[in-house]
Structures are given as C-alpha cells and as structure tokens.
Amino acid sequence: IRLPDGKTFAQAVNTGVAASTGKYVAILNPDIELDPNAIAECVRVAEADPAAAAVAAKLMFWWAPSFLNGIGNRVDERSWGTDNFIGHLDLGQFDSLKDVPSVCFAATLVRRTAWDAIGPADEAFPLYYEDAEWSYRARLLGYGTIAAPRAVVRHVFGYKVRGGEESDLTPRKLAMAAYG
C-alpha cells in the first residue's frame, strides 16, 4: 500500500494491519533482512503462548552482525526509551529470554485478535516508541509481550545503509526518538 508523504510510521502500521486478513501480522521496517526461518520461529513462539499479544524477534545490527540491536525495547523509570541489550555481543546469553517489556515494531509478529482488542498504534507518535505504548496497553489488558531470540533479523538502524555507506544518526532522527 503506497501512502502519501508525511504519514507517521504508526499510520503506516495501522494501514497495513487494517488491510491484513491473517491470524498473525508481521510488522517489519523497510531496512531489515530476515533469516529464512525468522517468521516461522515467531509463529512457533506465539503458538506456544496463547496469552501473547506480540512476539519480538532478535534484531542484530546490519553493519555489525554479531552485536545486538535489541530484543524488544523498553521505557525505563526515567522515561527514556532504549532497545533491550543494545550493543551486546551476541554469545547466546539471551537465547532463553521469554518476556520483554515491549516489542519493537522493527520486527514483530502480532496476533491479530490481540491487535483488535488492544487497538491500533497511537498515530500521534512521529516515529519511535509507538510500539512501547502499544505494548503497555497490551499488558494493561492482560496480554504478554514475548521474545523469539532464535528469530534473527538484521537491522540497518540508521548507521549504515545496505551499500555500506555511513549515514549518521541525524539530529532529526534523534529528536524523534527523544520525543517518542
């Protein structure tokens, strides 16, 4: 679905989910690459936990594929958001992780019935942490947000693009993340 310029990420997610018909919806950023079994692993994890609203994949940095971008995210007690375990060398130390405070909409599998009960992403977020707010509402309604650490996804994360050229974390991107 092609959207006009100026739409927020949350608006794009909501449009895509509204047009979907499946039992699950994969919410994926455009700057990711999935391992071949990533979606199947997320579905397997979701099927094992009927109370889960959504499943967070393991995001690895595209430009440093041995390092974690995160497994879900969170907003801490000082109201600053961050990806869980960002920057850690992945030695499998988080492969038994079950729950996460929030899924990350860069690579998440959402149970459609849970989405319908929780409601859409808040379109007032310009970019970043609309997923944390949605996950908060999910938890308020008794749903879980869980991890699928064996569902590996590489994520550009605003540092280098697919061709390898550097692309700094721009002031605009940092401002949107801080606002979110």
Protein backbone atom coordinates (compact mmCIF):
# COMPACT_ATOMS: atom_id res chain seq x y z
CA ILE A 1 0.00 0.00 0.00
CA ARG A 2 1.59 3.26 -1.05
CA LEU A 3 0.95 6.08 1.40
CA PRO A 4 1.39 9.79 0.72
CA ASP A 5 4.45 11.51 2.15
CA GLY A 6 4.15 12.87 5.65
CA LYS A 7 2.49 9.84 7.22
CA THR A 8 3.89 8.59 10.52
CA PHE A 9 5.24 5.08 10.97
CA ALA A 10 2.27 4.36 13.25
CA GLN A 11 -0.13 5.43 10.49
CA ALA A 12 1.65 3.12 8.04
CA VAL A 13 1.50 0.21 10.51
CA ASN A 14 -2.19 0.81 11.18
CA THR A 15 -2.95 0.97 7.46
CA GLY A 16 -1.14 -2.30 6.83
CA VAL A 17 -2.75 -4.11 9.75
CA ALA A 18 -6.21 -2.87 8.74
CA ALA A 19 -5.69 -4.32 5.24
CA SER A 20 -4.48 -7.68 6.54
CA THR A 21 -6.60 -10.79 6.99
CA GLY A 22 -4.31 -13.34 8.64
CA LYS A 23 -4.22 -14.79 12.14
CA TYR A 24 -0.85 -13.02 12.57
CA VAL A 25 0.55 -9.80 11.18
CA ALA A 26 4.28 -9.23 10.71
CA ILE A 27 5.25 -5.63 11.33
CA LEU A 28 8.60 -5.05 9.63
CA ASN A 29 10.75 -1.99 9.00
CA PRO A 30 11.92 -1.50 5.41
CA ASP A 31 15.60 -1.58 6.47
CA ILE A 32 15.72 -5.18 7.70
CA GLU A 33 16.65 -8.59 6.39
CA LEU A 34 15.03 -11.70 7.85
CA ASP A 35 16.79 -15.00 8.40
CA PRO A 36 14.88 -17.62 6.38
CA ASN A 37 13.19 -19.11 9.46
CA ALA A 38 12.52 -15.86 11.36
CA ILE A 39 8.78 -15.61 10.74
CA ALA A 40 8.20 -19.34 11.28
CA GLU A 41 10.08 -19.11 14.60
CA CYS A 42 7.96 -16.14 15.70
CA VAL A 43 4.80 -18.08 14.84
CA ARG A 44 6.09 -21.13 16.75
CA VAL A 45 6.74 -18.97 19.84
CA ALA A 46 3.34 -17.27 19.54
CA GLU A 47 1.52 -20.61 19.20
CA ALA A 48 3.18 -21.81 22.41
CA ASP A 49 1.77 -18.84 24.38
CA PRO A 50 -1.90 -18.04 23.63
CA ALA A 51 -1.78 -15.06 26.03
CA ALA A 52 0.90 -13.31 23.97
CA ALA A 53 -0.21 -10.28 22.00
CA ALA A 54 3.07 -9.99 20.12
CA VAL A 55 6.46 -11.60 19.64
CA ALA A 56 9.73 -9.66 19.37
CA ALA A 57 12.42 -11.01 17.06
CA LYS A 58 16.15 -10.72 17.85
CA LEU A 59 17.46 -7.68 15.99
CA MET A 60 21.14 -7.67 15.06
CA PHE A 61 22.99 -4.66 13.66
CA TRP A 62 23.27 -4.95 9.87
CA TRP A 63 26.71 -3.32 9.95
CA ALA A 64 27.94 -5.35 12.96
CA PRO A 65 26.02 -8.64 12.71
CA SER A 66 27.48 -10.18 15.87
CA PHE A 67 26.05 -7.38 18.02
CA LEU A 68 22.52 -6.92 19.25
CA ASN A 69 20.35 -4.05 18.16
CA GLY A 70 17.86 -5.46 20.66
CA ILE A 71 15.19 -7.96 21.59
CA GLY A 72 12.20 -5.72 22.10
CA ASN A 73 12.58 -2.39 23.88
CA ARG A 74 11.51 -0.56 27.00
CA VAL A 75 10.97 2.85 28.52
CA ASP A 76 12.78 2.98 31.85
CA GLU A 77 11.83 4.70 35.10
CA ARG A 78 13.30 7.99 33.86
CA SER A 79 11.07 7.88 30.76
CA TRP A 80 13.94 7.26 28.36
CA GLY A 81 13.43 4.54 25.76
CA THR A 82 16.05 2.04 24.69
CA ASP A 83 16.35 -1.29 22.96
CA ASN A 84 16.90 -4.23 25.31
CA PHE A 85 20.56 -5.38 25.33
CA ILE A 86 21.60 -2.90 22.64
CA GLY A 87 25.29 -3.17 21.80
CA HIS A 88 25.87 -6.54 23.49
CA LEU A 89 27.98 -9.08 21.65
CA ASP A 90 25.57 -11.95 20.95
CA LEU A 91 27.00 -15.08 22.56
CA GLY A 92 23.60 -16.66 23.02
CA GLN A 93 23.28 -15.28 26.55
CA PHE A 94 19.73 -14.04 25.84
CA ASP A 95 18.51 -17.08 23.88
CA SER A 96 16.35 -18.29 26.78
CA LEU A 97 14.60 -14.93 27.18
CA LYS A 98 10.81 -15.31 27.37
CA ASP A 99 9.25 -11.93 28.19
CA VAL A 100 10.11 -8.41 27.09
CA PRO A 101 8.63 -5.15 28.41
CA SER A 102 7.77 -4.12 24.86
CA VAL A 103 8.08 -5.48 21.36
CA CYS A 104 9.93 -3.44 18.75
CA PHE A 105 7.92 -2.75 15.61
CA ALA A 106 11.11 -3.02 13.51
CA ALA A 107 10.42 -6.79 13.51
CA THR A 108 7.39 -8.03 15.42
CA LEU A 109 4.73 -10.66 14.92
CA VAL A 110 1.33 -9.57 16.28
CA ARG A 111 -1.63 -11.83 16.99
CA ARG A 112 -4.50 -10.27 15.04
CA THR A 113 -7.13 -10.93 17.74
CA ALA A 114 -4.92 -9.15 20.27
CA TRP A 115 -4.42 -6.18 17.92
CA ASP A 116 -8.17 -5.88 17.51
CA ALA A 117 -8.68 -5.93 21.29
CA ILE A 118 -5.82 -3.55 22.11
CA GLY A 119 -6.42 -1.13 19.26
CA PRO A 120 -4.13 0.45 16.70
CA ALA A 121 -0.78 2.13 17.27
CA ASP A 122 -1.06 5.71 18.50
CA GLU A 123 -0.63 7.84 15.39
CA ALA A 124 0.45 10.87 17.42
CA PHE A 125 3.93 9.33 17.75
CA PRO A 126 6.05 10.73 14.88
CA LEU A 127 8.45 7.76 14.99
CA TYR A 128 9.83 5.54 17.77
CA TYR A 129 8.24 4.06 20.88
CA GLU A 130 4.73 3.80 19.48
CA ASP A 131 5.47 0.10 19.97
CA ALA A 132 6.26 0.61 23.66
CA GLU A 133 2.99 2.49 24.19
CA TRP A 134 1.06 -0.22 22.32
CA SER A 135 2.79 -2.93 24.39
CA TYR A 136 1.88 -1.04 27.58
CA ARG A 137 -1.79 -1.13 26.57
CA ALA A 138 -1.44 -4.84 25.77
CA ARG A 139 -0.10 -5.55 29.25
CA LEU A 140 -2.86 -3.47 30.87
CA LEU A 141 -5.35 -5.78 29.15
CA GLY A 142 -3.58 -8.90 30.42
CA TYR A 143 -1.64 -9.82 27.29
CA GLY A 144 2.04 -10.69 27.23
CA THR A 145 4.80 -9.37 25.01
CA ILE A 146 7.30 -12.14 24.45
CA ALA A 147 10.65 -12.81 22.83
CA ALA A 148 11.72 -15.10 20.00
CA PRO A 149 15.52 -14.90 20.32
CA ARG A 150 16.02 -17.54 17.63
CA ALA A 151 14.13 -15.41 15.09
CA VAL A 152 17.08 -13.38 13.81
CA VAL A 153 16.68 -10.16 11.85
CA ARG A 154 19.42 -7.78 10.69
CA HIS A 155 18.52 -4.10 11.05
CA VAL A 156 20.28 -1.10 9.50
CA PHE A 157 19.29 1.11 12.48
CA GLY A 158 20.27 4.40 10.88
CA TYR A 159 24.03 3.89 10.87
CA LYS A 160 24.91 2.30 7.57
CA VAL A 161 22.73 1.59 4.60
CA ARG A 162 22.72 -1.62 2.59
CA GLY A 163 25.51 -0.40 0.33
CA GLY A 164 27.75 0.19 3.36
CA GLU A 165 27.81 3.98 3.19
CA GLU A 166 27.77 5.71 6.53
CA SER A 167 24.59 7.56 7.44
CA ASP A 168 24.89 9.36 10.77
CA LEU A 169 22.16 9.26 13.37
CA THR A 170 20.79 12.61 12.27
CA PRO A 171 19.61 15.32 14.66
CA ARG A 172 16.07 14.86 13.27
CA LYS A 173 16.11 11.12 13.97
CA LEU A 174 17.47 11.68 17.48
CA ALA A 175 14.79 14.34 18.13
CA MET A 176 12.02 11.98 17.01
CA ALA A 177 13.38 9.18 19.22
CA ALA A 178 13.58 11.52 22.21
CA TYR A 179 10.07 12.83 21.54
CA GLY A 180 8.69 9.30 21.25
